[in-house]
Every structure is written in structure tokens, then in C-alpha cells.
Amino acid sequence: MSQFKLPLKAINPKREEMVSLPIEALVDTGSELTWLPADVLQSVGITPRREKLFQTATGQRLKRPIGYAILSTDDFETTDEVVFAEPGDMTLLGVRTLEGFGAMVDPISHRLVASTTIVA
């Protein structure tokens, strides 16, 4: 699959007037959660709620704080857990956020497209 980035905004769910500037995030269907720089999240008052252990593709183990944010790009928006990325970490739009958006990745046109929600 080809790689592409989208402008992603983080919105404080307790004070929705606090919105980050758009930050380019790599669309990564291999990442469960979305990773945004900690300073971007903190700048809009989003705070860590707990820590989670992650394993990278190279097998490295990382512990990072996570919190809650409203995430928005183009015509898509959802509330999700977000990782407080440290310097050197990638900025990623993860698969849970994509699912929350109700979107699929179109790798040809490098964009998100609305998908149908399946009801069990």
C-alpha cells in the first residue's frame, strides 16, 4: 500500500474551542492508535490519563501516555484515545481512528472515503 499523510486536528473534548493547528499525520493501518506530538496535545489542554506499553515493528518496547481527544480531518471526526508521542516518534493516524471516522483508505487517490458500517 502506498503511504500518504493527512492534516489532523486534535480537539479538547472538555473544551471544544481548544483546537490544535492541523498536523500532518501518516495514515498507518498497521498502527492501532493515533500518535500525535505531546506538545501539540498539551497545547490544547489534552492531558494523559494512563500509560500503555507498545511494541514497534523492530521489536522495541515503548511506554507512552495516552489521553482522549476529538480527532478531525477533512469531513471526518471521532473521539478516540491518542498517544502522547515523544520527539523521534512518528506522527500517525491509526486504524481505530479510521474506524471511528467510518472511513476506508483509498491508496490510489491518497484520501479517505466514507465506508458503510456493518451491523451485526
C-alpha atoms as a PDB file:
ATOM      1  CA  MET A   1       0.000   0.000   0.000  1.00  0.00           C
ATOM      2  CA  SER A   2       1.261   3.477  -0.782  1.00  0.00           C
ATOM      3  CA  GLN A   3       1.849   5.886   2.072  1.00  0.00           C
ATOM      4  CA  PHE A   4       0.299   9.314   2.455  1.00  0.00           C
ATOM      5  CA  LYS A   5      -0.332  11.953   5.079  1.00  0.00           C
ATOM      6  CA  LEU A   6      -3.425  13.883   6.079  1.00  0.00           C
ATOM      7  CA  PRO A   7      -3.821  17.090   8.123  1.00  0.00           C
ATOM      8  CA  LEU A   8      -5.157  16.027  11.530  1.00  0.00           C
ATOM      9  CA  LYS A   9      -6.517  18.326  14.245  1.00  0.00           C
ATOM     10  CA  ALA A  10      -6.836  17.442  17.930  1.00  0.00           C
ATOM     11  CA  ILE A  11      -9.745  18.993  19.815  1.00  0.00           C
ATOM     12  CA  ASN A  12     -10.072  19.045  23.594  1.00  0.00           C
ATOM     13  CA  PRO A  13     -13.257  17.050  24.348  1.00  0.00           C
ATOM     14  CA  LYS A  14     -13.909  19.085  27.514  1.00  0.00           C
ATOM     15  CA  ARG A  15     -13.347  22.478  25.859  1.00  0.00           C
ATOM     16  CA  GLU A  16     -14.093  22.120  22.159  1.00  0.00           C
ATOM     17  CA  GLU A  17     -12.967  25.679  21.403  1.00  0.00           C
ATOM     18  CA  MET A  18      -9.398  24.450  22.084  1.00  0.00           C
ATOM     19  CA  VAL A  19      -8.272  23.092  18.700  1.00  0.00           C
ATOM     20  CA  SER A  20      -4.741  22.359  17.534  1.00  0.00           C
ATOM     21  CA  LEU A  21      -3.376  23.575  14.246  1.00  0.00           C
ATOM     22  CA  PRO A  22      -3.502  20.808  11.622  1.00  0.00           C
ATOM     23  CA  ILE A  23      -0.507  18.473  11.824  1.00  0.00           C
ATOM     24  CA  GLU A  24       0.485  16.091   9.042  1.00  0.00           C
ATOM     25  CA  ALA A  25      -0.074  12.506  10.195  1.00  0.00           C
ATOM     26  CA  LEU A  26       0.970   9.409   8.267  1.00  0.00           C
ATOM     27  CA  VAL A  27      -2.067   7.186   7.615  1.00  0.00           C
ATOM     28  CA  ASP A  28      -0.947   3.880   9.133  1.00  0.00           C
ATOM     29  CA  THR A  29      -3.344   0.929   9.057  1.00  0.00           C
ATOM     30  CA  GLY A  30      -0.696  -1.074  10.929  1.00  0.00           C
ATOM     31  CA  SER A  31      -0.905   1.181  13.989  1.00  0.00           C
ATOM     32  CA  GLU A  32      -3.766   0.577  16.403  1.00  0.00           C
ATOM     33  CA  LEU A  33      -3.774   4.076  17.915  1.00  0.00           C
ATOM     34  CA  THR A  34      -3.144   7.586  16.625  1.00  0.00           C
ATOM     35  CA  TRP A  35       0.153   9.172  17.734  1.00  0.00           C
ATOM     36  CA  LEU A  36       0.446  12.970  17.986  1.00  0.00           C
ATOM     37  CA  PRO A  37       3.273  15.033  19.480  1.00  0.00           C
ATOM     38  CA  ALA A  38       2.776  15.510  23.215  1.00  0.00           C
ATOM     39  CA  ASP A  39       3.345  19.277  22.935  1.00  0.00           C
ATOM     40  CA  VAL A  40       0.518  19.573  20.359  1.00  0.00           C
ATOM     41  CA  LEU A  41      -1.897  17.718  22.643  1.00  0.00           C
ATOM     42  CA  GLN A  42      -0.830  19.665  25.729  1.00  0.00           C
ATOM     43  CA  SER A  43      -1.174  22.980  23.865  1.00  0.00           C
ATOM     44  CA  VAL A  44      -4.949  22.403  23.661  1.00  0.00           C
ATOM     45  CA  GLY A  45      -5.265  21.128  27.227  1.00  0.00           C
ATOM     46  CA  ILE A  46      -5.453  17.406  26.491  1.00  0.00           C
ATOM     47  CA  THR A  47      -3.933  15.531  29.424  1.00  0.00           C
ATOM     48  CA  PRO A  48      -2.599  11.991  29.819  1.00  0.00           C
ATOM     49  CA  ARG A  49      -4.994   9.578  31.536  1.00  0.00           C
ATOM     50  CA  ARG A  50      -2.849   6.438  31.739  1.00  0.00           C
ATOM     51  CA  GLU A  51       0.209   4.769  30.232  1.00  0.00           C
ATOM     52  CA  LYS A  52       0.305   1.950  27.711  1.00  0.00           C
ATOM     53  CA  LEU A  53       3.097  -0.367  26.563  1.00  0.00           C
ATOM     54  CA  PHE A  54       3.721  -0.598  22.803  1.00  0.00           C
ATOM     55  CA  GLN A  55       5.927  -2.789  20.648  1.00  0.00           C
ATOM     56  CA  THR A  56       7.394  -1.326  17.452  1.00  0.00           C
ATOM     57  CA  ALA A  57       7.869  -3.170  14.157  1.00  0.00           C
ATOM     58  CA  THR A  58      11.546  -3.621  15.141  1.00  0.00           C
ATOM     59  CA  GLY A  59      10.548  -5.283  18.426  1.00  0.00           C
ATOM     60  CA  GLN A  60      11.427  -2.293  20.611  1.00  0.00           C
ATOM     61  CA  ARG A  61       9.131  -1.789  23.625  1.00  0.00           C
ATOM     62  CA  LEU A  62       7.944   1.731  24.445  1.00  0.00           C
ATOM     63  CA  LYS A  63       5.781   3.094  27.237  1.00  0.00           C
ATOM     64  CA  ARG A  64       3.783   6.195  26.363  1.00  0.00           C
ATOM     65  CA  PRO A  65       0.967   8.176  27.984  1.00  0.00           C
ATOM     66  CA  ILE A  66      -2.428   8.193  26.306  1.00  0.00           C
ATOM     67  CA  GLY A  67      -5.387  10.517  26.632  1.00  0.00           C
ATOM     68  CA  TYR A  68      -8.679  11.309  24.940  1.00  0.00           C
ATOM     69  CA  ALA A  69      -9.202  13.707  22.048  1.00  0.00           C
ATOM     70  CA  ILE A  70     -11.651  14.556  19.327  1.00  0.00           C
ATOM     71  CA  LEU A  71      -9.727  13.948  16.093  1.00  0.00           C
ATOM     72  CA  SER A  72     -10.705  15.645  12.850  1.00  0.00           C
ATOM     73  CA  THR A  73      -9.592  15.680   9.216  1.00  0.00           C
ATOM     74  CA  ASP A  74     -11.464  16.824   6.120  1.00  0.00           C
ATOM     75  CA  ASP A  75     -15.098  15.712   6.586  1.00  0.00           C
ATOM     76  CA  PHE A  76     -14.322  13.096   9.255  1.00  0.00           C
ATOM     77  CA  GLU A  77     -14.402  13.384  13.052  1.00  0.00           C
ATOM     78  CA  THR A  78     -14.330  10.965  16.003  1.00  0.00           C
ATOM     79  CA  THR A  79     -13.437  10.740  19.667  1.00  0.00           C
ATOM     80  CA  ASP A  80     -10.533   8.385  20.353  1.00  0.00           C
ATOM     81  CA  GLU A  81      -7.585   7.516  22.531  1.00  0.00           C
ATOM     82  CA  VAL A  82      -4.438   9.276  21.379  1.00  0.00           C
ATOM     83  CA  VAL A  83      -0.786   8.571  22.207  1.00  0.00           C
ATOM     84  CA  PHE A  84       1.406  11.398  23.527  1.00  0.00           C
ATOM     85  CA  ALA A  85       4.319  10.943  21.105  1.00  0.00           C
ATOM     86  CA  GLU A  86       7.812  11.951  22.177  1.00  0.00           C
ATOM     87  CA  PRO A  87      10.452  13.599  19.959  1.00  0.00           C
ATOM     88  CA  GLY A  88      11.630  10.966  17.483  1.00  0.00           C
ATOM     89  CA  ASP A  89       8.264   9.145  17.450  1.00  0.00           C
ATOM     90  CA  MET A  90       6.274   9.229  14.242  1.00  0.00           C
ATOM     91  CA  THR A  91       3.020  11.163  13.902  1.00  0.00           C
ATOM     92  CA  LEU A  92       0.458   8.532  12.896  1.00  0.00           C
ATOM     93  CA  LEU A  93      -3.247   8.280  12.145  1.00  0.00           C
ATOM     94  CA  GLY A  94      -4.097   4.784  13.388  1.00  0.00           C
ATOM     95  CA  VAL A  95      -6.707   2.228  12.413  1.00  0.00           C
ATOM     96  CA  ARG A  96      -9.003   2.825  15.415  1.00  0.00           C
ATOM     97  CA  THR A  97      -9.333   6.462  14.402  1.00  0.00           C
ATOM     98  CA  LEU A  98     -10.047   5.391  10.806  1.00  0.00           C
ATOM     99  CA  GLU A  99     -12.765   3.069  12.099  1.00  0.00           C
ATOM    100  CA  GLY A 100     -14.183   5.879  14.228  1.00  0.00           C
ATOM    101  CA  PHE A 101     -14.224   8.106  11.150  1.00  0.00           C
ATOM    102  CA  GLY A 102     -16.227   5.410   9.354  1.00  0.00           C
ATOM    103  CA  ALA A 103     -13.644   5.654   6.586  1.00  0.00           C
ATOM    104  CA  MET A 104     -11.558   3.425   4.375  1.00  0.00           C
ATOM    105  CA  VAL A 105      -8.206   4.253   2.830  1.00  0.00           C
ATOM    106  CA  ASP A 106      -8.143   4.819  -0.924  1.00  0.00           C
ATOM    107  CA  PRO A 107      -4.470   4.096  -1.703  1.00  0.00           C
ATOM    108  CA  ILE A 108      -4.762   5.220  -5.321  1.00  0.00           C
ATOM    109  CA  SER A 109      -6.103   8.734  -4.723  1.00  0.00           C
ATOM    110  CA  HIS A 110      -4.405   9.093  -1.297  1.00  0.00           C
ATOM    111  CA  ARG A 111      -7.551  10.035   0.569  1.00  0.00           C
ATOM    112  CA  LEU A 112     -10.175   8.671   2.926  1.00  0.00           C
ATOM    113  CA  VAL A 113     -13.561   7.571   1.644  1.00  0.00           C
ATOM    114  CA  ALA A 114     -16.677   7.009   3.712  1.00  0.00           C
ATOM    115  CA  SER A 115     -17.481   3.364   4.330  1.00  0.00           C
ATOM    116  CA  THR A 116     -20.681   1.579   5.239  1.00  0.00           C
ATOM    117  CA  THR A 117     -20.961   0.480   8.842  1.00  0.00           C
ATOM    118  CA  ILE A 118     -21.732  -3.217   9.192  1.00  0.00           C
ATOM    119  CA  VAL A 119     -24.446  -4.063  11.702  1.00  0.00           C
ATOM    120  CA  ALA A 120     -24.205  -7.472  13.388  1.00  0.00           C
END
